[in-house]
Amino acid sequence: MTKHSTNWIVTSLIALGSLLILFPLYMAVAIALKNPEEMAKSVFSLPTGLHFENFKNAIEATNFFSALGNSFVITVCSVGFILLTNSLVSYAIARNMNKKFFKGLYFYFISAMFIPFQIIMLPIVKLTTDLHMNNMPGLIILYIVYGLAFNIFVYVGYIRTIPVELEEAATVDGASTYGTFWRIIFPLLAPINATIAILSCLSTWNDFMLPLIILGKPESYTLPLVQYVFQGQFSTDFNLAFASYLLALAPMVIVYLIAQKWIINGITQGAVK
């Protein structure tokens, strides 16, 4: 196969991939800017007029800013505690993998990655209700625990590439275990912290199932939950629904655009190490 034909194949695959990504986005924007009459004529056509009132009506119908605040609080608190707690647990495991207890603990946590959420869904509902945790703080705790398996898997692999000599030098200088972690190890985890933060942020912000079964009061609903308001028994207001979807999507797109360089840096540094 010549270099020219290889470049043609690669270009074609990139163009196809871009089309598969951009076409749903085009559909979402086009439907959000149409009215029902235009929708009835053609779903795929460009809007003849820009109906920005759909966004205003969607904000009012979903109580958007209240749901936005709930999603923001849940996401920020979850990601912050995930980085602090999961990195500590991973550090303890990574530096004691030669001991049977910590090695067993590592595989115990990792095994949770293979348990489908549907199996533990009903026990979670029962337990959180009995403990009066069917609220936003309870949901934050569940996100911290539920992401533990994958995060430990990533953290442990990364921490084991950091030379132990750095910690030994800090110990000689009189640093405690906690002091060594926060002053030496945690700053070195910045690339992988950024990767885990953005992945946790995306999964938490976009999650629908866990808030649905945990949050009992409408005033604590997150953005994915309030999209339900457009789903009627016999019909769906697609124009307002897609306008609301774009509003809910916008914050995460902004976060990703800002943080993508740290994500790429974390992945490449982990590969190099």
Protein backbone atom coordinates (compact mmCIF):
# COMPACT_ATOMS: atom_id res chain seq x y z
CA MET A 1 0.00 0.00 0.00
CA THR A 2 1.44 3.34 -1.07
CA LYS A 3 1.76 6.38 1.15
CA HIS A 4 -0.79 8.25 -0.98
CA SER A 5 -3.45 5.54 -0.57
CA THR A 6 -2.77 5.35 3.18
CA ASN A 7 -3.25 9.10 3.53
CA TRP A 8 -6.49 8.86 1.52
CA ILE A 9 -7.85 6.15 3.81
CA VAL A 10 -6.91 8.09 6.94
CA THR A 11 -8.48 11.28 5.55
CA SER A 12 -11.67 9.41 4.66
CA LEU A 13 -11.94 7.88 8.13
CA ILE A 14 -11.41 11.28 9.77
CA ALA A 15 -14.06 12.82 7.51
CA LEU A 16 -16.50 10.01 8.30
CA GLY A 17 -15.84 10.31 12.03
CA SER A 18 -16.32 14.07 11.90
CA LEU A 19 -19.61 13.62 10.04
CA LEU A 20 -20.88 11.14 12.62
CA ILE A 21 -20.10 13.64 15.39
CA LEU A 22 -21.25 16.84 13.68
CA PHE A 23 -24.52 15.56 12.21
CA PRO A 24 -26.23 14.90 15.60
CA LEU A 25 -24.98 18.31 16.77
CA TYR A 26 -26.44 19.94 13.66
CA MET A 27 -29.76 18.18 14.27
CA ALA A 28 -29.85 19.36 17.89
CA VAL A 29 -29.15 22.99 16.96
CA ALA A 30 -31.55 22.97 13.98
CA ILE A 31 -34.44 21.48 15.96
CA ALA A 32 -33.83 23.86 18.88
CA LEU A 33 -34.14 26.85 16.53
CA LYS A 34 -37.30 25.67 14.74
CA ASN A 35 -40.97 25.93 15.64
CA PRO A 36 -43.42 22.97 15.52
CA GLU A 37 -44.67 23.91 12.04
CA GLU A 38 -41.15 23.74 10.58
CA MET A 39 -40.57 20.46 12.40
CA ALA A 40 -43.70 19.00 10.78
CA LYS A 41 -42.45 19.93 7.30
CA SER A 42 -38.92 18.55 7.60
CA VAL A 43 -36.73 17.44 10.48
CA PHE A 44 -33.48 17.69 8.53
CA SER A 45 -33.91 21.10 6.86
CA LEU A 46 -32.36 24.32 8.10
CA PRO A 47 -34.65 26.55 10.20
CA THR A 48 -36.26 29.32 8.14
CA GLY A 49 -36.31 31.56 11.21
CA LEU A 50 -34.25 31.58 14.39
CA HIS A 51 -36.66 30.94 17.24
CA PHE A 52 -34.49 31.87 20.21
CA GLU A 53 -37.63 32.05 22.33
CA ASN A 54 -37.34 28.25 22.58
CA PHE A 55 -34.35 28.72 24.87
CA LYS A 56 -36.22 31.25 27.02
CA ASN A 57 -39.23 28.94 27.31
CA ALA A 58 -36.98 25.97 28.09
CA ILE A 59 -35.29 27.90 30.91
CA GLU A 60 -38.67 28.72 32.42
CA ALA A 61 -40.11 25.21 31.98
CA THR A 62 -37.16 23.46 33.64
CA ASN A 63 -36.36 26.04 36.31
CA PHE A 64 -32.97 25.91 34.63
CA PHE A 65 -30.88 28.04 36.96
CA SER A 66 -31.97 26.11 40.06
CA ALA A 67 -31.09 22.80 38.38
CA LEU A 68 -27.83 24.33 37.12
CA GLY A 69 -26.90 25.30 40.68
CA ASN A 70 -27.69 21.80 41.96
CA SER A 71 -25.59 20.18 39.23
CA PHE A 72 -22.74 22.60 39.89
CA VAL A 73 -22.69 21.95 43.65
CA ILE A 74 -22.91 18.17 43.25
CA THR A 75 -20.24 18.06 40.54
CA VAL A 76 -17.73 20.38 42.23
CA CYS A 77 -18.06 18.71 45.65
CA SER A 78 -17.88 15.20 44.17
CA VAL A 79 -14.81 15.93 42.04
CA GLY A 80 -13.02 17.73 44.89
CA PHE A 81 -13.52 14.89 47.37
CA ILE A 82 -12.74 12.28 44.72
CA LEU A 83 -9.31 13.81 44.09
CA LEU A 84 -8.52 14.17 47.81
CA THR A 85 -9.75 10.80 49.08
CA ASN A 86 -9.11 8.49 46.14
CA SER A 87 -5.53 9.69 45.70
CA LEU A 88 -4.83 9.05 49.40
CA VAL A 89 -6.24 5.52 49.28
CA SER A 90 -4.33 4.81 46.08
CA TYR A 91 -1.08 6.10 47.57
CA ALA A 92 -1.43 3.81 50.58
CA ILE A 93 -2.09 0.81 48.33
CA ALA A 94 0.61 1.64 45.76
CA ARG A 95 3.37 1.92 48.37
CA ASN A 96 2.35 -1.29 50.17
CA MET A 97 1.63 -3.64 47.28
CA ASN A 98 4.22 -6.06 48.65
CA LYS A 99 1.91 -6.74 51.61
CA LYS A 100 -0.91 -9.25 51.20
CA PHE A 101 -3.53 -7.05 52.86
CA PHE A 102 -3.01 -4.08 50.56
CA LYS A 103 -2.66 -6.27 47.48
CA GLY A 104 -5.95 -7.98 48.36
CA LEU A 105 -7.51 -4.60 49.02
CA TYR A 106 -6.41 -3.42 45.59
CA PHE A 107 -8.03 -6.37 43.81
CA TYR A 108 -11.11 -6.01 46.02
CA PHE A 109 -11.59 -2.42 44.82
CA ILE A 110 -10.82 -3.29 41.21
CA SER A 111 -13.38 -6.11 41.21
CA ALA A 112 -16.11 -3.50 41.71
CA MET A 113 -15.50 -2.36 38.11
CA PHE A 114 -17.12 -5.59 36.91
CA ILE A 115 -20.35 -5.24 38.90
CA PRO A 116 -23.19 -3.79 36.77
CA PHE A 117 -24.97 -0.83 38.33
CA GLN A 118 -28.37 -2.46 37.77
CA ILE A 119 -27.49 -5.22 40.26
CA ILE A 120 -26.80 -2.82 43.14
CA MET A 121 -29.43 -0.21 42.21
CA LEU A 122 -32.25 -1.46 44.44
CA PRO A 123 -30.02 -2.10 47.49
CA ILE A 124 -28.63 1.44 47.11
CA VAL A 125 -32.15 2.90 47.08
CA LYS A 126 -33.11 0.91 50.19
CA LEU A 127 -29.91 1.77 52.06
CA THR A 128 -29.93 5.49 51.27
CA THR A 129 -33.60 5.75 52.25
CA ASP A 130 -33.02 3.99 55.59
CA LEU A 131 -30.02 6.24 56.33
CA HIS A 132 -31.87 9.39 55.19
CA MET A 133 -29.24 9.92 52.49
CA ASN A 134 -31.70 10.36 49.61
CA ASN A 135 -30.55 13.94 49.12
CA MET A 136 -27.68 15.92 47.59
CA PRO A 137 -25.05 15.09 50.31
CA GLY A 138 -25.93 11.41 49.99
CA LEU A 139 -25.60 11.60 46.22
CA ILE A 140 -22.17 13.22 46.53
CA ILE A 141 -20.99 10.41 48.84
CA LEU A 142 -22.21 7.80 46.35
CA TYR A 143 -20.31 9.45 43.50
CA ILE A 144 -17.12 9.44 45.60
CA VAL A 145 -17.51 5.74 46.41
CA TYR A 146 -18.83 4.63 43.03
CA GLY A 147 -15.81 6.02 41.16
CA LEU A 148 -13.33 4.53 43.60
CA ALA A 149 -12.62 1.34 41.62
CA PHE A 150 -11.60 2.95 38.34
CA ASN A 151 -9.78 5.84 40.00
CA ILE A 152 -7.70 3.52 42.19
CA PHE A 153 -6.81 1.47 39.12
CA VAL A 154 -5.52 4.61 37.36
CA TYR A 155 -3.90 6.24 40.40
CA VAL A 156 -2.02 3.15 41.59
CA GLY A 157 -0.48 2.56 38.18
CA TYR A 158 0.67 6.18 38.02
CA ILE A 159 1.96 6.43 41.60
CA ARG A 160 4.09 3.29 41.20
CA THR A 161 6.04 5.07 38.44
CA ILE A 162 7.07 7.85 40.86
CA PRO A 163 10.54 7.06 42.35
CA VAL A 164 10.41 5.99 46.00
CA GLU A 165 13.69 7.83 46.55
CA LEU A 166 11.81 11.14 46.61
CA GLU A 167 9.83 9.99 49.64
CA GLU A 168 12.88 8.54 51.32
CA ALA A 169 14.66 11.88 50.97
CA ALA A 170 11.65 13.66 52.47
CA THR A 171 11.58 11.19 55.38
CA VAL A 172 15.26 11.83 56.07
CA ASP A 173 14.44 15.55 56.22
CA GLY A 174 11.85 14.80 58.90
CA ALA A 175 8.63 14.83 56.87
CA SER A 176 5.73 12.67 58.06
CA THR A 177 3.85 10.27 55.79
CA TYR A 178 1.05 12.77 55.30
CA GLY A 179 3.52 15.60 54.81
CA THR A 180 5.37 13.59 52.19
CA PHE A 181 2.16 12.86 50.32
CA TRP A 182 0.82 16.43 50.28
CA ARG A 183 4.16 18.16 49.64
CA ILE A 184 5.87 15.67 47.32
CA ILE A 185 3.47 13.14 45.79
CA PHE A 186 0.25 15.10 45.35
CA PRO A 187 1.87 17.89 43.28
CA LEU A 188 3.41 15.21 41.04
CA LEU A 189 -0.08 13.79 40.48
CA ALA A 190 -1.24 17.00 38.76
CA PRO A 191 -1.46 15.48 35.22
CA ILE A 192 -3.40 12.40 36.32
CA ASN A 193 -5.49 14.50 38.71
CA ALA A 194 -6.56 16.64 35.77
CA THR A 195 -7.52 13.55 33.76
CA ILE A 196 -9.54 12.00 36.59
CA ALA A 197 -11.12 15.36 37.43
CA ILE A 198 -12.47 15.95 33.93
CA LEU A 199 -13.67 12.35 33.53
CA SER A 200 -15.40 12.49 36.92
CA CYS A 201 -16.81 15.90 36.10
CA LEU A 202 -18.32 14.70 32.82
CA SER A 203 -19.78 11.50 34.28
CA THR A 204 -21.24 13.28 37.31
CA TRP A 205 -22.69 16.20 35.36
CA ASN A 206 -24.31 13.97 32.72
CA ASP A 207 -25.50 11.21 35.05
CA PHE A 208 -29.21 10.56 34.97
CA MET A 209 -29.84 7.23 36.68
CA LEU A 210 -28.28 7.82 40.10
CA PRO A 211 -29.94 11.21 40.72
CA LEU A 212 -33.22 9.71 39.49
CA ILE A 213 -33.27 6.97 42.13
CA ILE A 214 -31.68 9.00 44.96
CA LEU A 215 -33.04 12.54 44.84
CA GLY A 216 -36.54 12.63 46.22
CA LYS A 217 -37.36 16.36 46.15
CA PRO A 218 -37.92 18.28 42.88
CA GLU A 219 -36.02 21.30 44.21
CA SER A 220 -32.84 19.20 44.35
CA TYR A 221 -33.11 17.88 40.77
CA THR A 222 -30.08 18.15 38.50
CA LEU A 223 -30.05 19.27 34.86
CA PRO A 224 -30.43 15.76 33.34
CA LEU A 225 -33.45 15.11 35.55
CA VAL A 226 -35.36 18.27 34.67
CA GLN A 227 -35.31 17.28 30.99
CA TYR A 228 -38.17 14.94 31.91
CA VAL A 229 -40.56 17.91 31.88
CA PHE A 230 -40.75 17.76 28.08
CA GLN A 231 -41.75 14.09 28.00
CA GLY A 232 -45.55 13.97 27.91
CA GLN A 233 -47.70 10.85 28.00
CA PHE A 234 -48.68 11.16 24.34
CA SER A 235 -46.28 13.74 22.88
CA THR A 236 -42.92 15.46 23.33
CA ASP A 237 -42.10 19.12 22.72
CA PHE A 238 -38.93 18.48 20.73
CA ASN A 239 -38.12 22.14 20.05
CA LEU A 240 -38.01 23.10 23.73
CA ALA A 241 -36.43 19.77 24.65
CA PHE A 242 -33.47 20.21 22.29
CA ALA A 243 -33.05 23.83 23.33
CA SER A 244 -32.85 22.63 26.93
CA TYR A 245 -30.39 19.87 25.97
CA LEU A 246 -28.06 22.44 24.41
CA LEU A 247 -28.27 24.64 27.51
CA ALA A 248 -27.37 21.66 29.71
CA LEU A 249 -24.55 20.66 27.37
CA ALA A 250 -22.91 24.09 27.14
CA PRO A 251 -21.17 24.18 30.58
CA MET A 252 -19.42 20.84 30.01
CA VAL A 253 -18.30 21.86 26.52
CA ILE A 254 -16.73 24.98 27.99
CA VAL A 255 -15.04 22.96 30.77
CA TYR A 256 -13.66 20.47 28.26
CA LEU A 257 -12.32 23.17 25.93
CA ILE A 258 -10.52 24.81 28.86
CA ALA A 259 -9.18 21.59 30.38
CA GLN A 260 -8.36 19.52 27.27
CA LYS A 261 -4.63 20.41 27.33
CA TRP A 262 -4.34 18.99 30.87
CA ILE A 263 -6.21 15.85 29.85
CA ILE A 264 -3.88 15.24 26.90
CA ASN A 265 -0.86 16.06 29.07
CA GLY A 266 -1.97 13.59 31.74
CA ILE A 267 -2.48 10.81 29.20
CA THR A 268 0.83 11.38 27.41
CA GLN A 269 2.85 11.68 30.62
CA GLY A 270 1.30 8.49 31.95
CA ALA A 271 2.23 6.72 28.71
CA VAL A 272 5.82 8.04 28.78
CA LYS A 273 6.36 7.04 32.38
